[in-house]
C-alpha atoms as a PDB file:
ATOM      1  CA  UNK A   1      -0.020  -0.022  -0.009  1.00  0.00           C
ATOM      2  CA  UNK A   2       2.763   2.395   0.886  1.00  0.00           C
ATOM      3  CA  UNK A   3       4.485   1.835  -2.453  1.00  0.00           C
ATOM      4  CA  UNK A   4       1.196   2.528  -4.248  1.00  0.00           C
ATOM      5  CA  UNK A   5       0.822   5.842  -2.424  1.00  0.00           C
ATOM      6  CA  UNK A   6       4.498   6.675  -3.101  1.00  0.00           C
ATOM      7  CA  UNK A   7       3.982   6.005  -6.783  1.00  0.00           C
ATOM      8  CA  UNK A   8       0.902   8.307  -6.864  1.00  0.00           C
ATOM      9  CA  UNK A   9       2.837  11.076  -5.102  1.00  0.00           C
ATOM     10  CA  UNK A  10       5.827  10.519  -7.356  1.00  0.00           C
ATOM     11  CA  UNK A  11       3.680  10.575 -10.487  1.00  0.00           C
ATOM     12  CA  UNK A  12       1.808  13.622  -9.283  1.00  0.00           C
ATOM     13  CA  UNK A  13       5.126  15.154  -8.300  1.00  0.00           C
ATOM     14  CA  UNK A  14       4.695  18.783  -9.258  1.00  0.00           C
ATOM     15  CA  UNK A  15       1.841  18.195 -11.680  1.00  0.00           C
ATOM     16  CA  UNK A  16      -1.008  20.649 -11.640  1.00  0.00           C
ATOM     17  CA  UNK A  17      -4.499  19.683 -10.471  1.00  0.00           C
ATOM     18  CA  UNK A  18      -7.461  21.791 -11.546  1.00  0.00           C
ATOM     19  CA  UNK A  19     -10.842  22.004 -10.005  1.00  0.00           C
ATOM     20  CA  UNK A  20     -12.287  22.360 -13.535  1.00  0.00           C
ATOM     21  CA  UNK A  21     -10.841  25.911 -13.562  1.00  0.00           C
ATOM     22  CA  UNK A  22     -14.271  27.441 -13.021  1.00  0.00           C
ATOM     23  CA  UNK A  23     -13.757  31.187 -12.476  1.00  0.00           C
ATOM     24  CA  UNK A  24     -15.582  33.288  -9.955  1.00  0.00           C
ATOM     25  CA  UNK A  25     -16.668  36.602 -11.432  1.00  0.00           C
ATOM     26  CA  UNK A  26     -16.066  39.673  -9.310  1.00  0.00           C
ATOM     27  CA  UNK A  27     -18.190  42.793  -9.246  1.00  0.00           C
ATOM     28  CA  UNK A  28     -15.974  44.522 -11.739  1.00  0.00           C
ATOM     29  CA  UNK A  29     -16.149  41.536 -14.178  1.00  0.00           C
ATOM     30  CA  UNK A  30     -12.693  40.161 -13.622  1.00  0.00           C
ATOM     31  CA  UNK A  31     -12.164  36.422 -13.226  1.00  0.00           C
ATOM     32  CA  UNK A  32     -10.734  34.806 -10.116  1.00  0.00           C
ATOM     33  CA  UNK A  33      -9.432  31.255 -10.133  1.00  0.00           C
ATOM     34  CA  UNK A  34      -8.181  28.822  -7.557  1.00  0.00           C
ATOM     35  CA  UNK A  35      -5.379  26.638  -8.961  1.00  0.00           C
ATOM     36  CA  UNK A  36      -3.476  23.897  -7.147  1.00  0.00           C
ATOM     37  CA  UNK A  37      -0.176  22.029  -7.534  1.00  0.00           C
ATOM     38  CA  UNK A  38       1.231  19.143  -5.505  1.00  0.00           C
ATOM     39  CA  UNK A  39       4.856  18.850  -4.532  1.00  0.00           C
ATOM     40  CA  UNK A  40       6.952  16.567  -2.362  1.00  0.00           C
ATOM     41  CA  UNK A  41       9.858  17.379  -0.041  1.00  0.00           C
ATOM     42  CA  UNK A  42      12.564  16.995  -2.672  1.00  0.00           C
ATOM     43  CA  UNK A  43      15.016  19.836  -3.329  1.00  0.00           C
ATOM     44  CA  UNK A  44      13.450  22.405  -5.666  1.00  0.00           C
ATOM     45  CA  UNK A  45       9.985  20.778  -5.627  1.00  0.00           C
ATOM     46  CA  UNK A  46       8.171  23.847  -4.291  1.00  0.00           C
ATOM     47  CA  UNK A  47       9.893  26.148  -6.847  1.00  0.00           C
ATOM     48  CA  UNK A  48       8.818  23.743  -9.597  1.00  0.00           C
ATOM     49  CA  UNK A  49       5.254  23.831  -8.333  1.00  0.00           C
ATOM     50  CA  UNK A  50       5.376  27.633  -8.436  1.00  0.00           C
ATOM     51  CA  UNK A  51       6.596  27.490 -12.041  1.00  0.00           C
ATOM     52  CA  UNK A  52       3.697  25.169 -12.960  1.00  0.00           C
ATOM     53  CA  UNK A  53       1.213  27.434 -11.262  1.00  0.00           C
ATOM     54  CA  UNK A  54       2.614  30.457 -13.097  1.00  0.00           C
ATOM     55  CA  UNK A  55       2.312  28.638 -16.491  1.00  0.00           C
ATOM     56  CA  UNK A  56      -1.251  27.474 -15.692  1.00  0.00           C
ATOM     57  CA  UNK A  57      -2.264  31.007 -14.471  1.00  0.00           C
ATOM     58  CA  UNK A  58      -1.002  32.586 -17.723  1.00  0.00           C
ATOM     59  CA  UNK A  59      -2.702  29.927 -19.847  1.00  0.00           C
ATOM     60  CA  UNK A  60      -5.992  30.355 -17.955  1.00  0.00           C
ATOM     61  CA  UNK A  61      -6.013  34.121 -18.163  1.00  0.00           C
ATOM     62  CA  UNK A  62      -4.499  34.545 -21.637  1.00  0.00           C
ATOM     63  CA  UNK A  63      -3.079  37.679 -20.108  1.00  0.00           C
ATOM     64  CA  UNK A  64      -1.374  38.882 -16.972  1.00  0.00           C
ATOM     65  CA  UNK A  65      -2.705  37.892 -13.610  1.00  0.00           C
ATOM     66  CA  UNK A  66      -2.437  39.018 -10.000  1.00  0.00           C
ATOM     67  CA  UNK A  67      -1.676  36.559  -7.221  1.00  0.00           C
ATOM     68  CA  UNK A  68      -4.320  37.259  -4.571  1.00  0.00           C
ATOM     69  CA  UNK A  69      -3.324  34.565  -2.063  1.00  0.00           C
ATOM     70  CA  UNK A  70      -1.073  31.589  -1.632  1.00  0.00           C
ATOM     71  CA  UNK A  71      -1.641  28.703   0.781  1.00  0.00           C
ATOM     72  CA  UNK A  72       0.352  25.573   1.519  1.00  0.00           C
ATOM     73  CA  UNK A  73      -1.600  22.590   2.856  1.00  0.00           C
ATOM     74  CA  UNK A  74       0.328  19.557   4.112  1.00  0.00           C
ATOM     75  CA  UNK A  75      -0.915  16.113   3.081  1.00  0.00           C
ATOM     76  CA  UNK A  76      -0.384  13.552   5.835  1.00  0.00           C
ATOM     77  CA  UNK A  77      -0.482   9.810   6.016  1.00  0.00           C
ATOM     78  CA  UNK A  78      -2.285   7.826   8.699  1.00  0.00           C
ATOM     79  CA  UNK A  79       0.523   8.235  11.274  1.00  0.00           C
ATOM     80  CA  UNK A  80       0.665  12.004  10.884  1.00  0.00           C
ATOM     81  CA  UNK A  81       3.734  12.252   8.657  1.00  0.00           C
ATOM     82  CA  UNK A  82       3.679  14.832   5.860  1.00  0.00           C
ATOM     83  CA  UNK A  83       4.055  12.949   2.559  1.00  0.00           C
ATOM     84  CA  UNK A  84       3.517  15.937   0.228  1.00  0.00           C
ATOM     85  CA  UNK A  85       2.096  19.390   0.134  1.00  0.00           C
ATOM     86  CA  UNK A  86      -0.563  21.142  -1.880  1.00  0.00           C
ATOM     87  CA  UNK A  87       0.250  24.672  -2.979  1.00  0.00           C
ATOM     88  CA  UNK A  88      -2.980  26.691  -3.638  1.00  0.00           C
ATOM     89  CA  UNK A  89      -3.035  29.976  -5.503  1.00  0.00           C
ATOM     90  CA  UNK A  90      -5.989  32.289  -5.859  1.00  0.00           C
ATOM     91  CA  UNK A  91      -5.460  34.468  -8.936  1.00  0.00           C
ATOM     92  CA  UNK A  92      -7.261  37.258 -10.622  1.00  0.00           C
ATOM     93  CA  UNK A  93      -7.056  37.586 -14.387  1.00  0.00           C
ATOM     94  CA  UNK A  94      -6.211  41.087 -15.545  1.00  0.00           C
ATOM     95  CA  UNK A  95      -8.177  42.566 -18.362  1.00  0.00           C
ATOM     96  CA  UNK A  96      -6.597  42.125 -21.777  1.00  0.00           C
ATOM     97  CA  UNK A  97      -5.630  45.235 -23.471  1.00  0.00           C
ATOM     98  CA  UNK A  98      -7.168  45.907 -26.844  1.00  0.00           C
ATOM     99  CA  UNK A  99      -4.966  45.426 -29.861  1.00  0.00           C
ATOM    100  CA  UNK A 100      -3.751  48.723 -31.346  1.00  0.00           C
ATOM    101  CA  UNK A 101      -5.566  49.908 -34.494  1.00  0.00           C
ATOM    102  CA  UNK A 102      -3.532  49.994 -37.692  1.00  0.00           C
END
């Protein structure tokens, strides 16, 4: 069982997990998303998760974005050991600027 869980964590590594990327619309019409990435305790894993989140945020927004909040949630096994962590970003998509007229 432990090897199966380790394989899942290893395969998930720094991969991104989306909650269907359904935006919440704010009063001013901007889009706010919550995006998540898993990472383990290996060296550089958190930085890799941040890079994945940045790529996903840019792809979702198709423009610049603002990081509204960042939260790290530990994922523990049955004996209370942290086996990986979930990095959660809440982002707001910035309005795309109109293309200049020729």
